[in-house]
N, C-alpha and C. Protein backbone atom coordinates (compact mmCIF):
# COMPACT_ATOMS: atom_id res chain seq x y z
N UNK A 1 0.85 -1.17 0.00
CA UNK A 1 0.00 0.00 0.00
C UNK A 1 0.90 1.23 0.00
N UNK A 2 0.49 2.24 -0.75
CA UNK A 2 1.27 3.46 -0.86
C UNK A 2 0.51 4.66 -0.32
N UNK A 3 1.29 5.62 0.14
CA UNK A 3 0.76 6.90 0.58
C UNK A 3 1.32 7.94 -0.39
N UNK A 4 0.46 8.79 -0.92
CA UNK A 4 0.88 9.85 -1.83
C UNK A 4 0.82 11.17 -1.06
N UNK A 5 1.92 11.91 -1.05
CA UNK A 5 1.99 13.19 -0.34
C UNK A 5 2.27 14.28 -1.36
N UNK A 6 1.39 15.27 -1.41
CA UNK A 6 1.50 16.38 -2.37
C UNK A 6 1.62 17.71 -1.65
N UNK A 7 1.74 18.77 -2.43
CA UNK A 7 1.86 20.14 -1.94
C UNK A 7 3.17 20.32 -1.16
N UNK A 8 4.24 19.78 -1.73
CA UNK A 8 5.57 19.89 -1.13
C UNK A 8 6.20 21.19 -1.63
N UNK A 9 6.69 21.99 -0.70
CA UNK A 9 7.27 23.30 -1.05
C UNK A 9 8.48 23.13 -1.97
N UNK A 10 8.62 24.07 -2.90
CA UNK A 10 9.75 24.05 -3.83
C UNK A 10 11.08 24.18 -3.09
N UNK A 11 11.05 24.80 -1.92
CA UNK A 11 12.28 25.01 -1.16
C UNK A 11 12.79 23.74 -0.48
N UNK A 12 12.01 22.68 -0.46
CA UNK A 12 12.40 21.44 0.20
C UNK A 12 13.20 20.53 -0.72
N UNK A 13 14.32 20.05 -0.21
CA UNK A 13 15.13 19.11 -0.98
C UNK A 13 14.55 17.70 -0.84
N UNK A 14 15.00 16.82 -1.71
CA UNK A 14 14.56 15.43 -1.64
C UNK A 14 14.89 14.83 -0.27
N UNK A 15 16.08 15.12 0.22
CA UNK A 15 16.51 14.57 1.51
C UNK A 15 15.64 15.10 2.65
N UNK A 16 15.30 16.39 2.63
CA UNK A 16 14.44 16.96 3.67
C UNK A 16 13.08 16.27 3.71
N UNK A 17 12.50 16.05 2.54
CA UNK A 17 11.19 15.40 2.46
C UNK A 17 11.28 13.97 2.98
N UNK A 18 12.30 13.23 2.55
CA UNK A 18 12.48 11.85 3.00
C UNK A 18 12.64 11.79 4.52
N UNK A 19 13.49 12.64 5.07
CA UNK A 19 13.72 12.64 6.51
C UNK A 19 12.46 12.99 7.28
N UNK A 20 11.73 13.99 6.80
CA UNK A 20 10.49 14.41 7.46
C UNK A 20 9.48 13.26 7.49
N UNK A 21 9.25 12.64 6.34
CA UNK A 21 8.25 11.57 6.26
C UNK A 21 8.68 10.34 7.06
N UNK A 22 9.94 10.00 7.02
CA UNK A 22 10.42 8.86 7.82
C UNK A 22 10.27 9.13 9.31
N UNK A 23 10.54 10.36 9.71
CA UNK A 23 10.39 10.73 11.13
C UNK A 23 8.90 10.69 11.53
N UNK A 24 8.04 11.24 10.70
CA UNK A 24 6.61 11.29 11.02
C UNK A 24 5.94 9.92 10.99
N UNK A 25 6.36 9.08 10.05
CA UNK A 25 5.69 7.79 9.85
C UNK A 25 6.36 6.65 10.61
N UNK A 26 7.58 6.85 11.05
CA UNK A 26 8.27 5.82 11.83
C UNK A 26 8.37 4.50 11.08
N UNK A 27 8.05 3.42 11.77
CA UNK A 27 8.20 2.08 11.21
C UNK A 27 7.22 1.78 10.07
N UNK A 28 6.21 2.62 9.86
CA UNK A 28 5.27 2.39 8.76
C UNK A 28 5.88 2.70 7.40
N UNK A 29 6.93 3.53 7.36
CA UNK A 29 7.54 3.92 6.09
C UNK A 29 8.62 2.93 5.68
N UNK A 30 8.30 2.08 4.69
CA UNK A 30 9.29 1.13 4.18
C UNK A 30 10.22 1.80 3.18
N UNK A 31 9.66 2.62 2.32
CA UNK A 31 10.44 3.26 1.27
C UNK A 31 9.79 4.60 0.94
N UNK A 32 10.61 5.65 0.80
CA UNK A 32 10.10 6.98 0.44
C UNK A 32 10.78 7.42 -0.85
N UNK A 33 9.97 7.73 -1.85
CA UNK A 33 10.49 8.21 -3.13
C UNK A 33 9.92 9.60 -3.38
N UNK A 34 10.81 10.56 -3.63
CA UNK A 34 10.39 11.93 -3.89
C UNK A 34 10.56 12.20 -5.39
N UNK A 35 9.52 12.72 -6.01
CA UNK A 35 9.53 13.00 -7.45
C UNK A 35 9.46 14.52 -7.65
N UNK A 36 10.31 15.02 -8.53
CA UNK A 36 10.33 16.45 -8.92
C UNK A 36 10.63 17.38 -7.75
N UNK A 37 11.53 16.99 -6.85
CA UNK A 37 11.90 17.86 -5.73
C UNK A 37 12.38 19.20 -6.27
N UNK A 38 11.98 20.28 -5.61
CA UNK A 38 12.35 21.63 -6.03
C UNK A 38 11.45 22.23 -7.10
N UNK A 39 10.43 21.50 -7.50
CA UNK A 39 9.50 21.99 -8.52
C UNK A 39 8.10 22.09 -7.91
N UNK A 40 7.22 22.90 -8.52
CA UNK A 40 5.86 23.04 -7.98
C UNK A 40 5.08 21.72 -8.03
N UNK A 41 5.47 20.81 -8.90
CA UNK A 41 4.75 19.55 -9.06
C UNK A 41 5.29 18.44 -8.16
N UNK A 42 6.17 18.77 -7.23
CA UNK A 42 6.81 17.75 -6.38
C UNK A 42 5.78 16.97 -5.56
N UNK A 43 6.04 15.67 -5.44
CA UNK A 43 5.22 14.82 -4.59
C UNK A 43 6.09 13.67 -4.11
N UNK A 44 5.59 12.95 -3.12
CA UNK A 44 6.32 11.80 -2.59
C UNK A 44 5.39 10.60 -2.55
N UNK A 45 5.97 9.44 -2.81
CA UNK A 45 5.27 8.18 -2.68
C UNK A 45 5.94 7.41 -1.56
N UNK A 46 5.14 7.00 -0.59
CA UNK A 46 5.67 6.25 0.55
C UNK A 46 5.08 4.85 0.51
N UNK A 47 5.96 3.86 0.45
CA UNK A 47 5.52 2.47 0.54
C UNK A 47 5.31 2.17 2.02
N UNK A 48 4.07 1.84 2.36
CA UNK A 48 3.73 1.60 3.76
C UNK A 48 3.89 0.14 4.13
N UNK A 49 4.35 -0.09 5.34
CA UNK A 49 4.47 -1.44 5.87
C UNK A 49 3.18 -1.77 6.61
N UNK A 50 2.11 -1.92 5.85
CA UNK A 50 0.79 -2.23 6.41
C UNK A 50 -0.04 -2.94 5.36
N UNK A 51 -0.71 -4.00 5.77
CA UNK A 51 -1.51 -4.77 4.82
C UNK A 51 -3.00 -4.47 4.89
N UNK A 52 -3.43 -3.79 5.92
CA UNK A 52 -4.85 -3.52 6.11
C UNK A 52 -5.18 -2.16 5.49
N UNK A 53 -6.11 -2.09 4.54
CA UNK A 53 -6.40 -0.85 3.82
C UNK A 53 -6.69 0.36 4.70
N UNK A 54 -7.45 0.19 5.75
CA UNK A 54 -7.82 1.36 6.55
C UNK A 54 -6.63 2.00 7.24
N UNK A 55 -5.56 1.26 7.45
CA UNK A 55 -4.37 1.82 8.10
C UNK A 55 -3.79 2.94 7.24
N UNK A 56 -3.79 2.75 5.93
CA UNK A 56 -3.30 3.79 5.03
C UNK A 56 -4.10 5.07 5.14
N UNK A 57 -5.41 4.95 5.26
CA UNK A 57 -6.26 6.14 5.41
C UNK A 57 -5.99 6.86 6.73
N UNK A 58 -5.79 6.08 7.79
CA UNK A 58 -5.49 6.68 9.10
C UNK A 58 -4.16 7.42 9.04
N UNK A 59 -3.16 6.81 8.42
CA UNK A 59 -1.85 7.44 8.29
C UNK A 59 -1.96 8.70 7.43
N UNK A 60 -2.73 8.64 6.35
CA UNK A 60 -2.91 9.81 5.49
C UNK A 60 -3.53 10.97 6.28
N UNK A 61 -4.48 10.68 7.12
CA UNK A 61 -5.12 11.73 7.93
C UNK A 61 -4.13 12.35 8.90
N UNK A 62 -3.18 11.55 9.41
CA UNK A 62 -2.20 12.08 10.35
C UNK A 62 -1.20 13.01 9.66
N UNK A 63 -0.88 12.73 8.41
CA UNK A 63 0.07 13.56 7.65
C UNK A 63 -0.63 14.79 7.07
N UNK A 64 -1.90 14.63 6.69
CA UNK A 64 -2.69 15.71 6.09
C UNK A 64 -2.61 16.97 6.95
N UNK A 65 -2.18 18.08 6.33
CA UNK A 65 -2.18 19.35 7.03
C UNK A 65 -0.90 19.65 7.80
N UNK A 66 -0.03 18.66 8.01
CA UNK A 66 1.25 18.95 8.66
C UNK A 66 2.04 19.86 7.74
N UNK A 67 2.81 20.76 8.31
CA UNK A 67 3.55 21.73 7.51
C UNK A 67 4.98 21.28 7.27
N UNK A 68 5.40 21.43 6.02
CA UNK A 68 6.77 21.17 5.62
C UNK A 68 7.16 22.28 4.65
N UNK A 69 8.19 23.02 4.97
CA UNK A 69 8.60 24.12 4.10
C UNK A 69 7.57 25.23 4.04
N UNK A 70 6.76 25.36 5.08
CA UNK A 70 5.77 26.43 5.14
C UNK A 70 4.44 26.12 4.46
N UNK A 71 4.30 24.93 3.87
CA UNK A 71 3.05 24.57 3.21
C UNK A 71 2.39 23.38 3.90
N UNK A 72 1.05 23.37 3.97
CA UNK A 72 0.37 22.20 4.53
C UNK A 72 0.39 21.05 3.51
N UNK A 73 0.79 19.89 3.97
CA UNK A 73 0.85 18.73 3.08
C UNK A 73 -0.53 18.17 2.81
N UNK A 74 -0.68 17.55 1.65
CA UNK A 74 -1.90 16.84 1.27
C UNK A 74 -1.52 15.38 1.12
N UNK A 75 -2.27 14.50 1.75
CA UNK A 75 -1.92 13.08 1.71
C UNK A 75 -3.15 12.23 1.43
N UNK A 76 -2.92 11.15 0.69
CA UNK A 76 -4.00 10.19 0.43
C UNK A 76 -3.39 8.81 0.28
N UNK A 77 -4.16 7.81 0.65
CA UNK A 77 -3.71 6.43 0.54
C UNK A 77 -4.08 5.87 -0.82
N UNK A 78 -3.15 5.15 -1.40
CA UNK A 78 -3.37 4.46 -2.66
C UNK A 78 -3.68 3.01 -2.27
N UNK A 79 -4.91 2.60 -2.47
CA UNK A 79 -5.34 1.28 -2.02
C UNK A 79 -4.86 0.15 -2.91
N UNK A 80 -4.23 0.49 -4.03
CA UNK A 80 -3.79 -0.54 -4.97
C UNK A 80 -2.29 -0.70 -4.89
N UNK A 81 -1.83 -1.93 -4.76
CA UNK A 81 -0.40 -2.19 -4.75
C UNK A 81 0.10 -2.24 -6.18
N UNK A 82 1.39 -2.44 -6.35
CA UNK A 82 1.96 -2.52 -7.68
C UNK A 82 1.43 -3.71 -8.45
N UNK A 83 0.96 -4.74 -7.75
CA UNK A 83 0.46 -5.96 -8.39
C UNK A 83 -0.97 -5.80 -8.91
N UNK A 84 -1.69 -4.84 -8.36
CA UNK A 84 -3.10 -4.69 -8.71
C UNK A 84 -3.29 -3.40 -9.49
N UNK A 85 -4.20 -3.41 -10.42
CA UNK A 85 -4.52 -2.18 -11.14
C UNK A 85 -5.83 -1.65 -10.60
N UNK A 86 -5.99 -0.34 -10.67
CA UNK A 86 -7.27 0.21 -10.26
C UNK A 86 -8.37 -0.27 -11.19
N UNK A 87 -9.58 -0.37 -10.70
CA UNK A 87 -10.67 -0.82 -11.57
C UNK A 87 -10.90 0.14 -12.71
N UNK A 88 -11.22 -0.39 -13.87
CA UNK A 88 -11.50 0.45 -15.05
C UNK A 88 -12.84 1.14 -14.87
N UNK A 89 -12.92 2.35 -15.38
CA UNK A 89 -14.18 3.11 -15.29
C UNK A 89 -15.01 2.88 -16.51
């Protein structure tokens, strides 16, 4: 299960974002990947060490609104793993 974190300040480096999320998420963060650090489109994908879907939503709510680089973060849980595709619309 993955957690997607958006609204990352352009002033934040990849390392700052990784350290912040690892500190906030503790043992739940298996892997943190930051995409487009330093750009307005920056976001992070966190691979969560949790198998129960609702845990991702709880973790997303805890990160939602925390400030990093002066901006409130936006977080949501991705209920689909790499093995599963989202249902077609």
